[in-house]
mmCIF file of all heavy atoms, coordinates in Angstrom:
data_MODEL
# 
_entry.id   MODEL 
# 
loop_
_atom_site.group_PDB 
_atom_site.id 
_atom_site.type_symbol 
_atom_site.label_atom_id 
_atom_site.label_alt_id 
_atom_site.label_comp_id 
_atom_site.label_asym_id 
_atom_site.label_entity_id 
_atom_site.label_seq_id 
_atom_site.pdbx_PDB_ins_code 
_atom_site.Cartn_x 
_atom_site.Cartn_y 
_atom_site.Cartn_z 
_atom_site.occupancy 
_atom_site.B_iso_or_equiv 
_atom_site.pdbx_formal_charge 
_atom_site.auth_seq_id 
_atom_site.auth_comp_id 
_atom_site.auth_asym_id 
_atom_site.auth_atom_id 
_atom_site.pdbx_PDB_model_num 
ATOM 1   N N   . PHE A 1 1  ? 0.854   -1.188  0.005   1.00 0.00 ? 1  PHE A N   1 
ATOM 2   C CA  . PHE A 1 1  ? -0.005  0.024   0.000   1.00 0.00 ? 1  PHE A CA  1 
ATOM 3   C C   . PHE A 1 1  ? 0.869   1.254   0.000   1.00 0.00 ? 1  PHE A C   1 
ATOM 4   O O   . PHE A 1 1  ? 1.999   1.236   0.525   1.00 0.00 ? 1  PHE A O   1 
ATOM 5   C CB  . PHE A 1 1  ? -0.913  0.023   1.247   1.00 0.00 ? 1  PHE A CB  1 
ATOM 6   C CG  . PHE A 1 1  ? -1.921  -1.048  1.288   1.00 0.00 ? 1  PHE A CG  1 
ATOM 7   C CD1 . PHE A 1 1  ? -1.619  -2.297  1.847   1.00 0.00 ? 1  PHE A CD1 1 
ATOM 8   C CD2 . PHE A 1 1  ? -3.186  -0.870  0.788   1.00 0.00 ? 1  PHE A CD2 1 
ATOM 9   C CE1 . PHE A 1 1  ? -2.537  -3.316  1.873   1.00 0.00 ? 1  PHE A CE1 1 
ATOM 10  C CE2 . PHE A 1 1  ? -4.123  -1.881  0.817   1.00 0.00 ? 1  PHE A CE2 1 
ATOM 11  C CZ  . PHE A 1 1  ? -3.792  -3.107  1.338   1.00 0.00 ? 1  PHE A CZ  1 
ATOM 12  N N   . ALA A 1 2  ? 0.341   2.314   -0.588  1.00 0.00 ? 2  ALA A N   1 
ATOM 13  C CA  . ALA A 1 2  ? 0.983   3.582   -0.400  1.00 0.00 ? 2  ALA A CA  1 
ATOM 14  C C   . ALA A 1 2  ? 0.797   4.025   1.055   1.00 0.00 ? 2  ALA A C   1 
ATOM 15  O O   . ALA A 1 2  ? -0.231  3.766   1.658   1.00 0.00 ? 2  ALA A O   1 
ATOM 16  C CB  . ALA A 1 2  ? 0.347   4.656   -1.327  1.00 0.00 ? 2  ALA A CB  1 
ATOM 17  N N   . ARG A 1 3  ? 1.867   4.609   1.623   1.00 0.00 ? 3  ARG A N   1 
ATOM 18  C CA  . ARG A 1 3  ? 1.812   4.941   3.033   1.00 0.00 ? 3  ARG A CA  1 
ATOM 19  C C   . ARG A 1 3  ? 0.567   5.831   3.328   1.00 0.00 ? 3  ARG A C   1 
ATOM 20  O O   . ARG A 1 3  ? 0.271   6.788   2.649   1.00 0.00 ? 3  ARG A O   1 
ATOM 21  C CB  . ARG A 1 3  ? 3.069   5.705   3.403   1.00 0.00 ? 3  ARG A CB  1 
ATOM 22  C CG  . ARG A 1 3  ? 3.298   5.823   4.937   1.00 0.00 ? 3  ARG A CG  1 
ATOM 23  C CD  . ARG A 1 3  ? 4.617   6.476   5.228   1.00 0.00 ? 3  ARG A CD  1 
ATOM 24  N NE  . ARG A 1 3  ? 5.737   5.672   4.759   1.00 0.00 ? 3  ARG A NE  1 
ATOM 25  C CZ  . ARG A 1 3  ? 6.243   4.612   5.395   1.00 0.00 ? 3  ARG A CZ  1 
ATOM 26  N NH1 . ARG A 1 3  ? 5.678   4.216   6.564   1.00 0.00 ? 3  ARG A NH1 1 
ATOM 27  N NH2 . ARG A 1 3  ? 7.243   3.952   4.905   1.00 0.00 ? 3  ARG A NH2 1 
ATOM 28  N N   . GLY A 1 4  ? -0.146  5.388   4.343   1.00 0.00 ? 4  GLY A N   1 
ATOM 29  C CA  . GLY A 1 4  ? -1.364  6.136   4.734   1.00 0.00 ? 4  GLY A CA  1 
ATOM 30  C C   . GLY A 1 4  ? -2.639  5.632   4.122   1.00 0.00 ? 4  GLY A C   1 
ATOM 31  O O   . GLY A 1 4  ? -3.709  6.071   4.482   1.00 0.00 ? 4  GLY A O   1 
ATOM 32  N N   . SER A 1 5  ? -2.558  4.657   3.160   1.00 0.00 ? 5  SER A N   1 
ATOM 33  C CA  . SER A 1 5  ? -3.727  4.167   2.497   1.00 0.00 ? 5  SER A CA  1 
ATOM 34  C C   . SER A 1 5  ? -4.091  2.736   2.969   1.00 0.00 ? 5  SER A C   1 
ATOM 35  O O   . SER A 1 5  ? -5.023  2.175   2.446   1.00 0.00 ? 5  SER A O   1 
ATOM 36  C CB  . SER A 1 5  ? -3.560  4.196   0.993   1.00 0.00 ? 5  SER A CB  1 
ATOM 37  O OG  . SER A 1 5  ? -2.551  3.283   0.580   1.00 0.00 ? 5  SER A OG  1 
ATOM 38  N N   . ALA A 1 6  ? -3.325  2.167   3.852   1.00 0.00 ? 6  ALA A N   1 
ATOM 39  C CA  . ALA A 1 6  ? -3.583  0.781   4.265   1.00 0.00 ? 6  ALA A CA  1 
ATOM 40  C C   . ALA A 1 6  ? -4.833  0.687   5.144   1.00 0.00 ? 6  ALA A C   1 
ATOM 41  O O   . ALA A 1 6  ? -5.175  1.616   5.832   1.00 0.00 ? 6  ALA A O   1 
ATOM 42  C CB  . ALA A 1 6  ? -2.364  0.238   5.042   1.00 0.00 ? 6  ALA A CB  1 
ATOM 43  N N   . PRO A 1 7  ? -5.511  -0.465  5.092   1.00 0.00 ? 7  PRO A N   1 
ATOM 44  C CA  . PRO A 1 7  ? -6.731  -0.617  5.894   1.00 0.00 ? 7  PRO A CA  1 
ATOM 45  C C   . PRO A 1 7  ? -6.372  -0.622  7.404   1.00 0.00 ? 7  PRO A C   1 
ATOM 46  O O   . PRO A 1 7  ? -5.316  -1.066  7.820   1.00 0.00 ? 7  PRO A O   1 
ATOM 47  C CB  . PRO A 1 7  ? -7.284  -1.972  5.481   1.00 0.00 ? 7  PRO A CB  1 
ATOM 48  C CG  . PRO A 1 7  ? -6.114  -2.711  4.933   1.00 0.00 ? 7  PRO A CG  1 
ATOM 49  C CD  . PRO A 1 7  ? -5.217  -1.659  4.314   1.00 0.00 ? 7  PRO A CD  1 
ATOM 50  N N   . THR A 1 8  ? -7.308  -0.131  8.241   1.00 0.00 ? 8  THR A N   1 
ATOM 51  C CA  . THR A 1 8  ? -7.050  -0.050  9.688   1.00 0.00 ? 8  THR A CA  1 
ATOM 52  C C   . THR A 1 8  ? -7.941  -0.980  10.440  1.00 0.00 ? 8  THR A C   1 
ATOM 53  O O   . THR A 1 8  ? -7.563  -1.435  11.518  1.00 0.00 ? 8  THR A O   1 
ATOM 54  C CB  . THR A 1 8  ? -7.295  1.399   10.147  1.00 0.00 ? 8  THR A CB  1 
ATOM 55  O OG1 . THR A 1 8  ? -8.615  1.817   9.793   1.00 0.00 ? 8  THR A OG1 1 
ATOM 56  C CG2 . THR A 1 8  ? -6.280  2.354   9.510   1.00 0.00 ? 8  THR A CG2 1 
ATOM 57  N N   . ARG A 1 9  ? -9.171  -1.316  9.977   1.00 0.00 ? 9  ARG A N   1 
ATOM 58  C CA  . ARG A 1 9  ? -10.079 -2.149  10.711  1.00 0.00 ? 9  ARG A CA  1 
ATOM 59  C C   . ARG A 1 9  ? -9.725  -3.611  10.534  1.00 0.00 ? 9  ARG A C   1 
ATOM 60  O O   . ARG A 1 9  ? -9.566  -4.070  9.382   1.00 0.00 ? 9  ARG A O   1 
ATOM 61  C CB  . ARG A 1 9  ? -11.521 -1.886  10.298  1.00 0.00 ? 9  ARG A CB  1 
ATOM 62  C CG  . ARG A 1 9  ? -11.969 -0.463  10.559  1.00 0.00 ? 9  ARG A CG  1 
ATOM 63  C CD  . ARG A 1 9  ? -13.366 -0.214  10.099  1.00 0.00 ? 9  ARG A CD  1 
ATOM 64  N NE  . ARG A 1 9  ? -14.310 -1.043  10.836  1.00 0.00 ? 9  ARG A NE  1 
ATOM 65  C CZ  . ARG A 1 9  ? -15.642 -1.086  10.601  1.00 0.00 ? 9  ARG A CZ  1 
ATOM 66  N NH1 . ARG A 1 9  ? -16.103 -0.335  9.595   1.00 0.00 ? 9  ARG A NH1 1 
ATOM 67  N NH2 . ARG A 1 9  ? -16.438 -1.857  11.305  1.00 0.00 ? 9  ARG A NH2 1 
ATOM 68  N N   . PRO A 1 10 ? -9.637  -4.385  11.630  1.00 0.00 ? 10 PRO A N   1 
ATOM 69  C CA  . PRO A 1 10 ? -9.339  -5.826  11.484  1.00 0.00 ? 10 PRO A CA  1 
ATOM 70  C C   . PRO A 1 10 ? -10.535 -6.634  10.967  1.00 0.00 ? 10 PRO A C   1 
ATOM 71  O O   . PRO A 1 10 ? -11.685 -6.219  11.062  1.00 0.00 ? 10 PRO A O   1 
ATOM 72  C CB  . PRO A 1 10 ? -8.965  -6.233  12.895  1.00 0.00 ? 10 PRO A CB  1 
ATOM 73  C CG  . PRO A 1 10 ? -9.750  -5.303  13.772  1.00 0.00 ? 10 PRO A CG  1 
ATOM 74  C CD  . PRO A 1 10 ? -9.809  -3.996  13.005  1.00 0.00 ? 10 PRO A CD  1 
ATOM 75  N N   . CYS A 1 11 ? -10.250 -7.752  10.414  1.00 0.00 ? 11 CYS A N   1 
ATOM 76  C CA  . CYS A 1 11 ? -11.270 -8.660  9.871   1.00 0.00 ? 11 CYS A CA  1 
ATOM 77  C C   . CYS A 1 11 ? -11.904 -9.426  11.038  1.00 0.00 ? 11 CYS A C   1 
ATOM 78  O O   . CYS A 1 11 ? -11.226 -9.985  11.901  1.00 0.00 ? 11 CYS A O   1 
ATOM 79  C CB  . CYS A 1 11 ? -10.638 -9.608  8.875   1.00 0.00 ? 11 CYS A CB  1 
ATOM 80  S SG  . CYS A 1 11 ? -11.707 -10.993 8.428   1.00 0.00 ? 11 CYS A SG  1 
ATOM 81  N N   . ASP A 1 12 ? -13.248 -9.443  11.041  1.00 0.00 ? 12 ASP A N   1 
ATOM 82  C CA  . ASP A 1 12 ? -14.014 -10.281 11.962  1.00 0.00 ? 12 ASP A CA  1 
ATOM 83  C C   . ASP A 1 12 ? -14.741 -11.294 11.048  1.00 0.00 ? 12 ASP A C   1 
ATOM 84  O O   . ASP A 1 12 ? -15.846 -11.004 10.585  1.00 0.00 ? 12 ASP A O   1 
ATOM 85  C CB  . ASP A 1 12 ? -14.968 -9.472  12.812  1.00 0.00 ? 12 ASP A CB  1 
ATOM 86  C CG  . ASP A 1 12 ? -15.710 -10.357 13.826  1.00 0.00 ? 12 ASP A CG  1 
ATOM 87  O OD1 . ASP A 1 12 ? -15.569 -11.605 13.745  1.00 0.00 ? 12 ASP A OD1 1 
ATOM 88  O OD2 . ASP A 1 12 ? -16.400 -9.810  14.677  1.00 0.00 ? 12 ASP A OD2 1 
ATOM 89  N N   . HIS A 1 13 ? -14.171 -12.445 10.817  1.00 0.00 ? 13 HIS A N   1 
ATOM 90  C CA  . HIS A 1 13 ? -14.683 -13.362 9.816   1.00 0.00 ? 13 HIS A CA  1 
ATOM 91  C C   . HIS A 1 13 ? -16.067 -13.864 10.208  1.00 0.00 ? 13 HIS A C   1 
ATOM 92  O O   . HIS A 1 13 ? -16.873 -14.248 9.354   1.00 0.00 ? 13 HIS A O   1 
ATOM 93  C CB  . HIS A 1 13 ? -13.729 -14.566 9.719   1.00 0.00 ? 13 HIS A CB  1 
ATOM 94  C CG  . HIS A 1 13 ? -14.104 -15.506 8.601   1.00 0.00 ? 13 HIS A CG  1 
ATOM 95  N ND1 . HIS A 1 13 ? -14.144 -15.138 7.276   1.00 0.00 ? 13 HIS A ND1 1 
ATOM 96  C CD2 . HIS A 1 13 ? -14.510 -16.808 8.629   1.00 0.00 ? 13 HIS A CD2 1 
ATOM 97  C CE1 . HIS A 1 13 ? -14.539 -16.131 6.553   1.00 0.00 ? 13 HIS A CE1 1 
ATOM 98  N NE2 . HIS A 1 13 ? -14.749 -17.171 7.341   1.00 0.00 ? 13 HIS A NE2 1 
ATOM 99  N N   . ARG A 1 14 ? -16.420 -13.834 11.546  1.00 0.00 ? 14 ARG A N   1 
ATOM 100 C CA  . ARG A 1 14 ? -17.737 -14.370 11.951  1.00 0.00 ? 14 ARG A CA  1 
ATOM 101 C C   . ARG A 1 14 ? -18.866 -13.540 11.410  1.00 0.00 ? 14 ARG A C   1 
ATOM 102 O O   . ARG A 1 14 ? -19.962 -14.040 11.115  1.00 0.00 ? 14 ARG A O   1 
ATOM 103 C CB  . ARG A 1 14 ? -17.786 -14.383 13.481  1.00 0.00 ? 14 ARG A CB  1 
ATOM 104 C CG  . ARG A 1 14 ? -16.881 -15.448 14.118  1.00 0.00 ? 14 ARG A CG  1 
ATOM 105 C CD  . ARG A 1 14 ? -16.791 -15.250 15.559  1.00 0.00 ? 14 ARG A CD  1 
ATOM 106 N NE  . ARG A 1 14 ? -16.162 -13.940 15.875  1.00 0.00 ? 14 ARG A NE  1 
ATOM 107 C CZ  . ARG A 1 14 ? -15.948 -13.491 17.131  1.00 0.00 ? 14 ARG A CZ  1 
ATOM 108 N NH1 . ARG A 1 14 ? -16.266 -14.239 18.153  1.00 0.00 ? 14 ARG A NH1 1 
ATOM 109 N NH2 . ARG A 1 14 ? -15.382 -12.333 17.322  1.00 0.00 ? 14 ARG A NH2 1 
ATOM 110 N N   . THR A 1 15 ? -18.648 -12.241 11.208  1.00 0.00 ? 15 THR A N   1 
ATOM 111 C CA  . THR A 1 15 ? -19.730 -11.370 10.711  1.00 0.00 ? 15 THR A CA  1 
ATOM 112 C C   . THR A 1 15 ? -19.665 -11.155 9.210   1.00 0.00 ? 15 THR A C   1 
ATOM 113 O O   . THR A 1 15 ? -20.479 -10.419 8.647   1.00 0.00 ? 15 THR A O   1 
ATOM 114 C CB  . THR A 1 15 ? -19.707 -10.008 11.379  1.00 0.00 ? 15 THR A CB  1 
ATOM 115 O OG1 . THR A 1 15 ? -18.458 -9.351  11.041  1.00 0.00 ? 15 THR A OG1 1 
ATOM 116 C CG2 . THR A 1 15 ? -19.779 -10.140 12.913  1.00 0.00 ? 15 THR A CG2 1 
ATOM 117 N N   . LEU A 1 16 ? -18.644 -11.706 8.569   1.00 0.00 ? 16 LEU A N   1 
ATOM 118 C CA  . LEU A 1 16 ? -18.455 -11.461 7.119   1.00 0.00 ? 16 LEU A CA  1 
ATOM 119 C C   . LEU A 1 16 ? -18.510 -12.764 6.327   1.00 0.00 ? 16 LEU A C   1 
ATOM 120 O O   . LEU A 1 16 ? -17.992 -12.856 5.232   1.00 0.00 ? 16 LEU A O   1 
ATOM 121 C CB  . LEU A 1 16 ? -17.112 -10.769 6.880   1.00 0.00 ? 16 LEU A CB  1 
ATOM 122 C CG  . LEU A 1 16 ? -16.973 -9.377  7.503   1.00 0.00 ? 16 LEU A CG  1 
ATOM 123 C CD1 . LEU A 1 16 ? -15.563 -8.884  7.387   1.00 0.00 ? 16 LEU A CD1 1 
ATOM 124 C CD2 . LEU A 1 16 ? -17.920 -8.440  6.787   1.00 0.00 ? 16 LEU A CD2 1 
ATOM 125 N N   . ARG A 1 17 ? -19.154 -13.751 6.899   1.00 0.00 ? 17 ARG A N   1 
ATOM 126 C CA  . ARG A 1 17 ? -19.250 -15.045 6.233   1.00 0.00 ? 17 ARG A CA  1 
ATOM 127 C C   . ARG A 1 17 ? -20.411 -15.049 5.221   1.00 0.00 ? 17 ARG A C   1 
ATOM 128 O O   . ARG A 1 17 ? -21.493 -14.554 5.521   1.00 0.00 ? 17 ARG A O   1 
ATOM 129 C CB  . ARG A 1 17 ? -19.441 -16.170 7.250   1.00 0.00 ? 17 ARG A CB  1 
ATOM 130 C CG  . ARG A 1 17 ? -19.312 -17.559 6.674   1.00 0.00 ? 17 ARG A CG  1 
ATOM 131 C CD  . ARG A 1 17 ? -19.675 -18.599 7.783   1.00 0.00 ? 17 ARG A CD  1 
ATOM 132 N NE  . ARG A 1 17 ? -18.904 -18.368 8.963   1.00 0.00 ? 17 ARG A NE  1 
ATOM 133 C CZ  . ARG A 1 17 ? -17.661 -18.868 9.159   1.00 0.00 ? 17 ARG A CZ  1 
ATOM 134 N NH1 . ARG A 1 17 ? -17.107 -19.618 8.259   1.00 0.00 ? 17 ARG A NH1 1 
ATOM 135 N NH2 . ARG A 1 17 ? -17.022 -18.658 10.322  1.00 0.00 ? 17 ARG A NH2 1 
ATOM 136 N N   . TRP A 1 18 ? -20.213 -15.556 4.008   1.00 0.00 ? 18 TRP A N   1 
ATOM 137 C CA  . TRP A 1 18 ? -21.305 -15.701 3.075   1.00 0.00 ? 18 TRP A CA  1 
ATOM 138 C C   . TRP A 1 18 ? -21.037 -16.943 2.230   1.00 0.00 ? 18 TRP A C   1 
ATOM 139 O O   . TRP A 1 18 ? -19.909 -17.333 2.080   1.00 0.00 ? 18 TRP A O   1 
ATOM 140 C CB  . TRP A 1 18 ? -21.529 -14.488 2.162   1.00 0.00 ? 18 TRP A CB  1 
ATOM 141 C CG  . TRP A 1 18 ? -20.370 -14.100 1.296   1.00 0.00 ? 18 TRP A CG  1 
ATOM 142 C CD1 . TRP A 1 18 ? -20.062 -14.659 0.099   1.00 0.00 ? 18 TRP A CD1 1 
ATOM 143 C CD2 . TRP A 1 18 ? -19.375 -13.124 1.539   1.00 0.00 ? 18 TRP A CD2 1 
ATOM 144 N NE1 . TRP A 1 18 ? -18.952 -14.079 -0.415  1.00 0.00 ? 18 TRP A NE1 1 
ATOM 145 C CE2 . TRP A 1 18 ? -18.514 -13.113 0.458   1.00 0.00 ? 18 TRP A CE2 1 
ATOM 146 C CE3 . TRP A 1 18 ? -19.152 -12.222 2.603   1.00 0.00 ? 18 TRP A CE3 1 
ATOM 147 C CZ2 . TRP A 1 18 ? -17.421 -12.245 0.374   1.00 0.00 ? 18 TRP A CZ2 1 
ATOM 148 C CZ3 . TRP A 1 18 ? -18.104 -11.369 2.507   1.00 0.00 ? 18 TRP A CZ3 1 
ATOM 149 C CH2 . TRP A 1 18 ? -17.220 -11.393 1.394   1.00 0.00 ? 18 TRP A CH2 1 
ATOM 150 N N   . PRO A 1 19 ? -22.114 -17.549 1.708   1.00 0.00 ? 19 PRO A N   1 
ATOM 151 C CA  . PRO A 1 19 ? -21.891 -18.742 0.907   1.00 0.00 ? 19 PRO A CA  1 
ATOM 152 C C   . PRO A 1 19 ? -21.280 -18.443 -0.423  1.00 0.00 ? 19 PRO A C   1 
ATOM 153 O O   . PRO A 1 19 ? -21.380 -17.329 -0.910  1.00 0.00 ? 19 PRO A O   1 
ATOM 154 C CB  . PRO A 1 19 ? -23.319 -19.323 0.718   1.00 0.00 ? 19 PRO A CB  1 
ATOM 155 C CG  . PRO A 1 19 ? -24.196 -18.118 0.847   1.00 0.00 ? 19 PRO A CG  1 
ATOM 156 C CD  . PRO A 1 19 ? -23.543 -17.209 1.845   1.00 0.00 ? 19 PRO A CD  1 
ATOM 157 N N   . ARG A 1 20 ? -20.549 -19.412 -1.030  1.00 0.00 ? 20 ARG A N   1 
ATOM 158 C CA  . ARG A 1 20 ? -19.964 -19.237 -2.338  1.00 0.00 ? 20 ARG A CA  1 
ATOM 159 C C   . ARG A 1 20 ? -21.142 -19.140 -3.346  1.00 0.00 ? 20 ARG A C   1 
ATOM 160 O O   . ARG A 1 20 ? -22.049 -19.931 -3.315  1.00 0.00 ? 20 ARG A O   1 
ATOM 161 C CB  . ARG A 1 20 ? -19.096 -20.413 -2.711  1.00 0.00 ? 20 ARG A CB  1 
ATOM 162 C CG  . ARG A 1 20 ? -18.422 -20.250 -4.061  1.00 0.00 ? 20 ARG A CG  1 
ATOM 163 C CD  . ARG A 1 20 ? -17.404 -21.334 -4.279  1.00 0.00 ? 20 ARG A CD  1 
ATOM 164 N NE  . ARG A 1 20 ? -16.689 -21.141 -5.539  1.00 0.00 ? 20 ARG A NE  1 
ATOM 165 C CZ  . ARG A 1 20 ? -15.702 -20.309 -5.720  1.00 0.00 ? 20 ARG A CZ  1 
ATOM 166 N NH1 . ARG A 1 20 ? -15.227 -19.607 -4.734  1.00 0.00 ? 20 ARG A NH1 1 
ATOM 167 N NH2 . ARG A 1 20 ? -15.091 -20.198 -6.920  1.00 0.00 ? 20 ARG A NH2 1 
ATOM 168 N N   . LEU A 1 21 ? -21.069 -18.087 -4.160  1.00 0.00 ? 21 LEU A N   1 
ATOM 169 C CA  . LEU A 1 21 ? -22.150 -17.789 -5.070  1.00 0.00 ? 21 LEU A CA  1 
ATOM 170 C C   . LEU A 1 21 ? -21.911 -18.398 -6.430  1.00 0.00 ? 21 LEU A C   1 
ATOM 171 O O   . LEU A 1 21 ? -20.808 -18.379 -6.957  1.00 0.00 ? 21 LEU A O   1 
ATOM 172 C CB  . LEU A 1 21 ? -22.319 -16.270 -5.199  1.00 0.00 ? 21 LEU A CB  1 
ATOM 173 C CG  . LEU A 1 21 ? -22.526 -15.553 -3.858  1.00 0.00 ? 21 LEU A CG  1 
ATOM 174 C CD1 . LEU A 1 21 ? -22.401 -14.047 -4.039  1.00 0.00 ? 21 LEU A CD1 1 
ATOM 175 C CD2 . LEU A 1 21 ? -23.899 -15.900 -3.285  1.00 0.00 ? 21 LEU A CD2 1 
ATOM 176 N N   . ALA A 1 22 ? -22.937 -18.964 -6.998  1.00 0.00 ? 22 ALA A N   1 
ATOM 177 C CA  . ALA A 1 22 ? -22.805 -19.579 -8.318  1.00 0.00 ? 22 ALA A CA  1 
ATOM 178 C C   . ALA A 1 22 ? -24.056 -19.105 -9.120  1.00 0.00 ? 22 ALA A C   1 
ATOM 179 O O   . ALA A 1 22 ? -25.143 -18.946 -8.599  1.00 0.00 ? 22 ALA A O   1 
ATOM 180 C CB  . ALA A 1 22 ? -22.785 -21.077 -8.259  1.00 0.00 ? 22 ALA A CB  1 
ATOM 181 N N   . GLY A 1 23 ? -23.829 -19.011 -10.456 1.00 0.00 ? 23 GLY A N   1 
ATOM 182 C CA  . GLY A 1 23 ? -24.956 -18.593 -11.301 1.00 0.00 ? 23 GLY A CA  1 
ATOM 183 C C   . GLY A 1 23 ? -25.300 -17.132 -11.017 1.00 0.00 ? 23 GLY A C   1 
ATOM 184 O O   . GLY A 1 23 ? -24.496 -16.224 -11.175 1.00 0.00 ? 23 GLY A O   1 
ATOM 185 N N   . ARG A 1 24 ? -26.490 -16.892 -10.462 1.00 0.00 ? 24 ARG A N   1 
ATOM 186 C CA  . ARG A 1 24 ? -26.930 -15.526 -10.180 1.00 0.00 ? 24 ARG A CA  1 
ATOM 187 C C   . ARG A 1 24 ? -26.653 -15.217 -8.721  1.00 0.00 ? 24 ARG A C   1 
ATOM 188 O O   . ARG A 1 24 ? -26.648 -16.096 -7.871  1.00 0.00 ? 24 ARG A O   1 
ATOM 189 C CB  . ARG A 1 24 ? -28.413 -15.385 -10.469 1.00 0.00 ? 24 ARG A CB  1 
ATOM 190 C CG  . ARG A 1 24 ? -28.736 -15.546 -11.955 1.00 0.00 ? 24 ARG A CG  1 
ATOM 191 C CD  . ARG A 1 24 ? -30.194 -15.159 -12.211 1.00 0.00 ? 24 ARG A CD  1 
ATOM 192 N NE  . ARG A 1 24 ? -30.501 -13.800 -11.783 1.00 0.00 ? 24 ARG A NE  1 
ATOM 193 C CZ  . ARG A 1 24 ? -30.220 -12.711 -12.512 1.00 0.00 ? 24 ARG A CZ  1 
ATOM 194 N NH1 . ARG A 1 24 ? -29.615 -12.868 -13.679 1.00 0.00 ? 24 ARG A NH1 1 
ATOM 195 N NH2 . ARG A 1 24 ? -30.541 -11.543 -12.095 1.00 0.00 ? 24 ARG A NH2 1 
# 
């Protein structure tokens, strides 16, 4: 990343889970 543009919030995988999408 360019200095100052890196993400700051950590990943919480429990709230960002979704099934693999296929087709539509």
